[in-house]
Amino acid sequence: MKQDYRALKLLVIVMGVMIVVGFAVVIYTIIQRASASFAEDRPAVEETQAATGTQGFGVVRLSLPRGSRIVDQEMEQHRLILRVENGDSQSMHVFDLRTGKEIGVIRTEPR
């Protein structure tokens, strides 16, 4: 009978250790994945700062025709999208927020 309790105690101890080790592995994995996603965003900002030697990109000028107005803006990841309206036509100007450069323009015109 005493032997049965020893085996049971040993089994409980081993299972308790396995639970603690498993929990530690889960926590370690969560920390690694969180730090990896944070590290993906950092190098681009650091490279830009190292290349320019500054924190930002200074002043960006957008020349719009007379009578135009910015009707909407949207930020997504490292991009800024400005929707500009000029009479019947519309355009979308896309900027890279890391460098301040205009990536492209999409123009729509009535048929």
C-alpha atoms as a PDB file:
ATOM      1  CA  MET A   1       0.000   0.000   0.000  1.00  0.00           C
ATOM      2  CA  LYS A   2       2.809   2.365   0.917  1.00  0.00           C
ATOM      3  CA  GLN A   3       4.421   1.662  -2.460  1.00  0.00           C
ATOM      4  CA  ASP A   4       1.213   2.773  -4.247  1.00  0.00           C
ATOM      5  CA  TYR A   5       1.280   6.132  -2.492  1.00  0.00           C
ATOM      6  CA  ARG A   6       4.937   6.647  -3.392  1.00  0.00           C
ATOM      7  CA  ALA A   7       4.170   6.013  -7.058  1.00  0.00           C
ATOM      8  CA  LEU A   8       1.182   8.343  -6.867  1.00  0.00           C
ATOM      9  CA  LYS A   9       3.273  11.103  -5.213  1.00  0.00           C
ATOM     10  CA  LEU A  10       5.951  10.723  -7.873  1.00  0.00           C
ATOM     11  CA  LEU A  11       3.333  10.896 -10.636  1.00  0.00           C
ATOM     12  CA  VAL A  12       1.807  14.084  -9.160  1.00  0.00           C
ATOM     13  CA  ILE A  13       5.245  15.722  -8.856  1.00  0.00           C
ATOM     14  CA  VAL A  14       6.192  14.820 -12.443  1.00  0.00           C
ATOM     15  CA  MET A  15       2.873  16.103 -13.784  1.00  0.00           C
ATOM     16  CA  GLY A  16       3.238  19.337 -11.780  1.00  0.00           C
ATOM     17  CA  VAL A  17       6.717  19.905 -13.219  1.00  0.00           C
ATOM     18  CA  MET A  18       5.383  19.238 -16.735  1.00  0.00           C
ATOM     19  CA  ILE A  19       2.629  21.830 -16.247  1.00  0.00           C
ATOM     20  CA  VAL A  20       5.120  24.463 -15.040  1.00  0.00           C
ATOM     21  CA  VAL A  21       7.533  23.744 -17.925  1.00  0.00           C
ATOM     22  CA  GLY A  22       4.685  23.818 -20.476  1.00  0.00           C
ATOM     23  CA  PHE A  23       3.424  27.135 -19.126  1.00  0.00           C
ATOM     24  CA  ALA A  24       6.970  28.578 -19.310  1.00  0.00           C
ATOM     25  CA  VAL A  25       7.253  27.474 -22.956  1.00  0.00           C
ATOM     26  CA  VAL A  26       3.942  29.172 -23.814  1.00  0.00           C
ATOM     27  CA  ILE A  27       5.017  32.439 -22.141  1.00  0.00           C
ATOM     28  CA  TYR A  28       8.429  32.302 -23.865  1.00  0.00           C
ATOM     29  CA  THR A  29       6.777  31.771 -27.278  1.00  0.00           C
ATOM     30  CA  ILE A  30       4.409  34.709 -26.759  1.00  0.00           C
ATOM     31  CA  ILE A  31       7.312  37.002 -25.796  1.00  0.00           C
ATOM     32  CA  GLN A  32       9.385  35.884 -28.811  1.00  0.00           C
ATOM     33  CA  ARG A  33       6.557  36.482 -31.292  1.00  0.00           C
ATOM     34  CA  ALA A  34       5.718  39.879 -29.814  1.00  0.00           C
ATOM     35  CA  SER A  35       9.340  41.035 -29.914  1.00  0.00           C
ATOM     36  CA  ALA A  36       9.750  39.731 -33.491  1.00  0.00           C
ATOM     37  CA  SER A  37       6.795  41.761 -34.753  1.00  0.00           C
ATOM     38  CA  PHE A  38       8.150  44.846 -32.955  1.00  0.00           C
ATOM     39  CA  ALA A  39      11.592  44.299 -34.513  1.00  0.00           C
ATOM     40  CA  GLU A  40      10.095  44.206 -38.038  1.00  0.00           C
ATOM     41  CA  ASP A  41       8.880  47.802 -37.706  1.00  0.00           C
ATOM     42  CA  ARG A  42      12.040  49.244 -36.122  1.00  0.00           C
ATOM     43  CA  PRO A  43      14.747  48.676 -38.797  1.00  0.00           C
ATOM     44  CA  ALA A  44      12.974  50.723 -41.461  1.00  0.00           C
ATOM     45  CA  VAL A  45      12.688  53.708 -39.128  1.00  0.00           C
ATOM     46  CA  GLU A  46      16.280  53.345 -37.938  1.00  0.00           C
ATOM     47  CA  GLU A  47      17.597  53.000 -41.519  1.00  0.00           C
ATOM     48  CA  THR A  48      15.748  56.145 -42.580  1.00  0.00           C
ATOM     49  CA  GLN A  49      17.063  58.087 -39.593  1.00  0.00           C
ATOM     50  CA  ALA A  50      20.602  56.840 -40.198  1.00  0.00           C
ATOM     51  CA  ALA A  51      20.466  57.733 -43.903  1.00  0.00           C
ATOM     52  CA  THR A  52      19.147  61.257 -43.366  1.00  0.00           C
ATOM     53  CA  GLY A  53      20.735  61.908 -39.989  1.00  0.00           C
ATOM     54  CA  THR A  54      17.457  63.344 -38.701  1.00  0.00           C
ATOM     55  CA  GLN A  55      14.392  62.247 -36.787  1.00  0.00           C
ATOM     56  CA  GLY A  56      11.844  63.219 -39.442  1.00  0.00           C
ATOM     57  CA  PHE A  57      11.708  64.086 -43.102  1.00  0.00           C
ATOM     58  CA  GLY A  58      11.150  67.837 -42.886  1.00  0.00           C
ATOM     59  CA  VAL A  59       8.529  69.704 -44.896  1.00  0.00           C
ATOM     60  CA  VAL A  60       6.676  68.045 -47.765  1.00  0.00           C
ATOM     61  CA  ARG A  61       4.904  70.315 -50.230  1.00  0.00           C
ATOM     62  CA  LEU A  62       1.932  69.152 -52.276  1.00  0.00           C
ATOM     63  CA  SER A  63       1.016  71.456 -55.157  1.00  0.00           C
ATOM     64  CA  LEU A  64      -2.702  71.400 -55.890  1.00  0.00           C
ATOM     65  CA  PRO A  65      -4.532  73.226 -58.685  1.00  0.00           C
ATOM     66  CA  ARG A  66      -6.611  76.261 -57.692  1.00  0.00           C
ATOM     67  CA  GLY A  67     -10.015  75.314 -56.364  1.00  0.00           C
ATOM     68  CA  SER A  68      -8.851  71.863 -55.253  1.00  0.00           C
ATOM     69  CA  ARG A  69      -9.408  70.648 -51.758  1.00  0.00           C
ATOM     70  CA  ILE A  70      -8.444  67.655 -49.677  1.00  0.00           C
ATOM     71  CA  VAL A  71     -11.688  65.848 -48.873  1.00  0.00           C
ATOM     72  CA  ASP A  72     -10.383  62.761 -47.102  1.00  0.00           C
ATOM     73  CA  GLN A  73      -7.227  61.326 -45.590  1.00  0.00           C
ATOM     74  CA  GLU A  74      -6.333  57.842 -44.465  1.00  0.00           C
ATOM     75  CA  MET A  75      -3.268  56.344 -42.809  1.00  0.00           C
ATOM     76  CA  GLU A  76      -2.401  52.689 -43.283  1.00  0.00           C
ATOM     77  CA  GLN A  77       0.841  51.183 -41.959  1.00  0.00           C
ATOM     78  CA  HIS A  78       3.543  53.584 -43.229  1.00  0.00           C
ATOM     79  CA  ARG A  79       1.416  55.322 -45.844  1.00  0.00           C
ATOM     80  CA  LEU A  80      -0.734  58.435 -45.969  1.00  0.00           C
ATOM     81  CA  ILE A  81      -3.442  58.645 -48.635  1.00  0.00           C
ATOM     82  CA  LEU A  82      -4.950  62.043 -49.438  1.00  0.00           C
ATOM     83  CA  ARG A  83      -8.108  62.227 -51.568  1.00  0.00           C
ATOM     84  CA  VAL A  84      -8.212  65.491 -53.485  1.00  0.00           C
ATOM     85  CA  GLU A  85     -11.271  66.864 -55.283  1.00  0.00           C
ATOM     86  CA  ASN A  86     -11.069  69.390 -58.113  1.00  0.00           C
ATOM     87  CA  GLY A  87     -14.434  70.063 -59.721  1.00  0.00           C
ATOM     88  CA  ASP A  88     -15.519  66.833 -61.427  1.00  0.00           C
ATOM     89  CA  SER A  89     -12.189  65.043 -61.092  1.00  0.00           C
ATOM     90  CA  GLN A  90     -10.661  63.348 -58.083  1.00  0.00           C
ATOM     91  CA  SER A  91      -7.186  62.105 -57.295  1.00  0.00           C
ATOM     92  CA  MET A  92      -5.514  60.118 -54.543  1.00  0.00           C
ATOM     93  CA  HIS A  93      -1.977  61.025 -53.509  1.00  0.00           C
ATOM     94  CA  VAL A  94      -0.048  58.304 -51.665  1.00  0.00           C
ATOM     95  CA  PHE A  95       2.898  59.247 -49.414  1.00  0.00           C
ATOM     96  CA  ASP A  96       5.447  57.121 -47.563  1.00  0.00           C
ATOM     97  CA  LEU A  97       5.438  58.392 -43.968  1.00  0.00           C
ATOM     98  CA  ARG A  98       8.963  57.102 -43.300  1.00  0.00           C
ATOM     99  CA  THR A  99      10.565  59.203 -46.031  1.00  0.00           C
ATOM    100  CA  GLY A 100       7.928  61.849 -46.818  1.00  0.00           C
ATOM    101  CA  LYS A 101       8.118  61.064 -50.535  1.00  0.00           C
ATOM    102  CA  GLU A 102       5.064  60.855 -52.753  1.00  0.00           C
ATOM    103  CA  ILE A 103       4.783  57.249 -53.941  1.00  0.00           C
ATOM    104  CA  GLY A 104       2.150  57.853 -56.584  1.00  0.00           C
ATOM    105  CA  VAL A 105      -1.023  59.556 -57.742  1.00  0.00           C
ATOM    106  CA  ILE A 106      -4.249  57.969 -58.923  1.00  0.00           C
ATOM    107  CA  ARG A 107      -6.466  60.292 -60.961  1.00  0.00           C
ATOM    108  CA  THR A 108     -10.135  59.793 -61.810  1.00  0.00           C
ATOM    109  CA  GLU A 109     -11.923  61.828 -64.453  1.00  0.00           C
ATOM    110  CA  PRO A 110     -15.526  61.897 -65.616  1.00  0.00           C
ATOM    111  CA  ARG A 111     -16.351  60.125 -68.899  1.00  0.00           C
END
